[in-house]
Amino acid sequence: MDRINNRIAHIYGYAVCLTAVIVMFFAIKQIIDAAINLTDPLRADLGGYSRMGLPLTNFELYKVEARRRPRFPMYAPAPGMTTPAPDPADTSETELRRLYDAERTAAIDAGRFHATRSLVANLLLIIFAGVVFGLHWRWLKQRDTLPDTP
């Protein structure tokens, strides 16, 4: 019976160590993705487009697309507003530039926040998995040095 318990303990220990290593591999991949996203947060999640589908990588493209689309929901009047929001086709270039800069800044900030959060969370996950691995590996090695009892 003691031999069966010993084998179950070994299987458990090695399974936990293997799981910890697999978790570390996935977390390392996520850290690499987050680091790349930090280098270009604008293209990180939305691929350089605003939530409304307007390109944010270039103002000229943004202007063409904004003037091509009639009244998309971003410019619709907010509840309780009496004056309607301006139609992108009717807005001046300075107003479009202001909207573009605001959307671009918001997209960059959001991309940086998500990348930083992913980076920190996955670093903590690697540390946690490393601790679990270390504890179980040490426990397994101590079990291996114990003399077998008949």
Protein backbone atom coordinates (compact mmCIF):
# COMPACT_ATOMS: atom_id res chain seq x y z
CA MET A 1 0.00 0.00 0.00
CA ASP A 2 2.88 2.31 0.82
CA ARG A 3 4.33 1.67 -2.62
CA ILE A 4 1.05 2.76 -4.29
CA ASN A 5 0.93 5.93 -2.19
CA ASN A 6 4.54 6.65 -3.14
CA ARG A 7 3.71 6.31 -6.85
CA ILE A 8 0.63 8.50 -6.52
CA ALA A 9 2.72 11.16 -4.79
CA HIS A 10 5.32 11.01 -7.58
CA ILE A 11 2.67 11.24 -10.29
CA TYR A 12 1.08 14.20 -8.52
CA GLY A 13 4.41 15.98 -8.06
CA TYR A 14 5.55 15.52 -11.64
CA ALA A 15 2.10 16.49 -12.99
CA VAL A 16 2.20 19.76 -11.02
CA CYS A 17 5.74 20.46 -12.24
CA LEU A 18 4.76 19.77 -15.85
CA THR A 19 1.68 21.98 -15.55
CA ALA A 20 3.77 24.80 -14.07
CA VAL A 21 6.24 24.58 -16.97
CA ILE A 22 3.40 24.67 -19.53
CA VAL A 23 1.85 27.69 -17.79
CA MET A 24 5.24 29.42 -17.90
CA PHE A 25 5.54 28.79 -21.65
CA PHE A 26 2.13 30.35 -22.31
CA ALA A 27 2.91 33.29 -20.04
CA ILE A 28 6.23 33.89 -21.82
CA LYS A 29 4.39 34.02 -25.15
CA GLN A 30 1.96 36.56 -23.69
CA ILE A 31 4.85 38.64 -22.33
CA ILE A 32 6.42 38.73 -25.78
CA ASP A 33 3.08 39.82 -27.30
CA ALA A 34 2.65 42.53 -24.65
CA ALA A 35 6.18 43.83 -25.20
CA ILE A 36 5.55 44.06 -28.94
CA ASN A 37 2.22 45.80 -28.30
CA LEU A 38 3.99 48.33 -26.09
CA THR A 39 6.26 49.28 -29.00
CA ASP A 40 3.25 50.15 -31.19
CA PRO A 41 0.11 50.40 -29.05
CA LEU A 42 -1.92 51.95 -31.86
CA ARG A 43 -1.82 48.75 -33.88
CA ALA A 44 -2.01 46.43 -30.87
CA ASP A 45 -5.67 45.47 -30.65
CA LEU A 46 -7.59 47.30 -33.35
CA GLY A 47 -4.94 47.20 -36.03
CA GLY A 48 -4.72 51.00 -36.35
CA TYR A 49 -8.45 51.63 -36.56
CA SER A 50 -10.78 53.45 -34.18
CA ARG A 51 -13.73 51.69 -32.64
CA MET A 52 -15.84 53.22 -35.40
CA GLY A 53 -13.63 51.68 -38.06
CA LEU A 54 -11.79 54.86 -39.03
CA PRO A 55 -8.05 54.58 -39.71
CA LEU A 56 -5.90 56.20 -37.03
CA THR A 57 -2.49 55.66 -38.59
CA ASN A 58 -2.79 58.60 -40.98
CA PHE A 59 -4.83 61.81 -40.73
CA GLU A 60 -5.46 62.01 -44.48
CA LEU A 61 -7.01 58.52 -44.51
CA TYR A 62 -9.04 59.42 -41.41
CA LYS A 63 -10.32 62.58 -43.09
CA VAL A 64 -11.32 60.77 -46.30
CA GLU A 65 -13.13 58.01 -44.39
CA ALA A 66 -14.83 60.44 -41.99
CA ARG A 67 -16.16 62.55 -44.85
CA ARG A 68 -17.24 59.50 -46.79
CA ARG A 69 -19.47 58.25 -43.94
CA PRO A 70 -22.63 60.15 -43.16
CA ARG A 71 -23.33 60.60 -39.45
CA PHE A 72 -21.96 57.52 -37.77
CA PRO A 73 -23.00 56.91 -34.13
CA MET A 74 -19.95 58.57 -32.61
CA TYR A 75 -21.23 61.94 -33.82
CA ALA A 76 -24.88 61.32 -33.01
CA PRO A 77 -26.35 63.64 -30.38
CA ALA A 78 -25.99 62.43 -26.84
CA PRO A 79 -29.17 61.79 -24.88
CA GLY A 80 -30.51 65.11 -23.60
CA MET A 81 -28.63 67.21 -26.17
CA THR A 82 -30.75 69.70 -28.03
CA THR A 83 -28.25 70.55 -30.77
CA PRO A 84 -27.16 67.73 -33.02
CA ALA A 85 -23.51 66.85 -33.30
CA PRO A 86 -21.78 67.99 -36.48
CA ASP A 87 -21.84 65.73 -39.51
CA PRO A 88 -18.27 64.63 -40.37
CA ALA A 89 -18.87 65.64 -43.98
CA ASP A 90 -19.62 69.19 -42.80
CA THR A 91 -16.83 69.55 -40.21
CA SER A 92 -13.81 71.71 -40.86
CA GLU A 93 -10.34 70.29 -41.19
CA THR A 94 -9.34 71.65 -37.78
CA GLU A 95 -12.35 69.97 -36.16
CA LEU A 96 -11.52 66.70 -37.91
CA ARG A 97 -7.89 67.06 -36.78
CA ARG A 98 -9.07 67.56 -33.20
CA LEU A 99 -11.31 64.48 -33.39
CA TYR A 100 -8.51 62.45 -35.00
CA ASP A 101 -5.99 63.48 -32.35
CA ALA A 102 -8.43 62.68 -29.55
CA GLU A 103 -9.28 59.24 -30.97
CA ARG A 104 -5.63 58.48 -31.70
CA THR A 105 -4.55 59.46 -28.19
CA ALA A 106 -7.35 57.38 -26.65
CA ALA A 107 -6.40 54.35 -28.79
CA ILE A 108 -2.70 54.68 -27.89
CA ASP A 109 -3.49 55.05 -24.18
CA ALA A 110 -5.82 52.05 -24.26
CA GLY A 111 -3.25 49.95 -26.13
CA ARG A 112 -0.50 50.86 -23.65
CA PHE A 113 -2.76 50.12 -20.68
CA HIS A 114 -3.75 46.69 -22.00
CA ALA A 115 -0.17 45.79 -22.91
CA THR A 116 1.16 46.90 -19.52
CA ARG A 117 -1.59 45.01 -17.69
CA SER A 118 -0.85 41.87 -19.69
CA LEU A 119 2.88 42.24 -19.10
CA VAL A 120 2.50 42.60 -15.31
CA ALA A 121 -0.10 39.84 -15.00
CA ASN A 122 1.96 37.36 -16.97
CA LEU A 123 5.16 38.21 -15.11
CA LEU A 124 3.33 37.51 -11.85
CA LEU A 125 1.98 34.28 -13.35
CA ILE A 126 5.52 33.18 -14.24
CA ILE A 127 6.71 33.97 -10.72
CA PHE A 128 3.80 32.05 -9.18
CA ALA A 129 4.30 29.06 -11.51
CA GLY A 130 8.03 29.13 -10.76
CA VAL A 131 7.38 29.04 -7.02
CA VAL A 132 4.91 26.15 -7.40
CA PHE A 133 7.38 24.30 -9.61
CA GLY A 134 10.26 24.90 -7.19
CA LEU A 135 8.33 23.76 -4.15
CA HIS A 136 7.07 20.60 -5.81
CA TRP A 137 10.43 19.77 -7.39
CA ARG A 138 12.20 20.14 -4.05
CA TRP A 139 9.49 18.00 -2.41
CA LEU A 140 9.97 15.31 -5.07
CA LYS A 141 13.73 15.29 -4.61
CA GLN A 142 13.32 14.98 -0.83
CA ARG A 143 10.92 12.04 -1.35
CA ASP A 144 13.47 10.37 -3.60
CA THR A 145 16.14 10.51 -0.88
CA LEU A 146 13.89 8.90 1.74
CA PRO A 147 14.64 5.21 2.28
CA ASP A 148 11.97 2.82 1.06
CA THR A 149 10.13 1.08 3.86
CA PRO A 150 9.16 -2.51 3.20
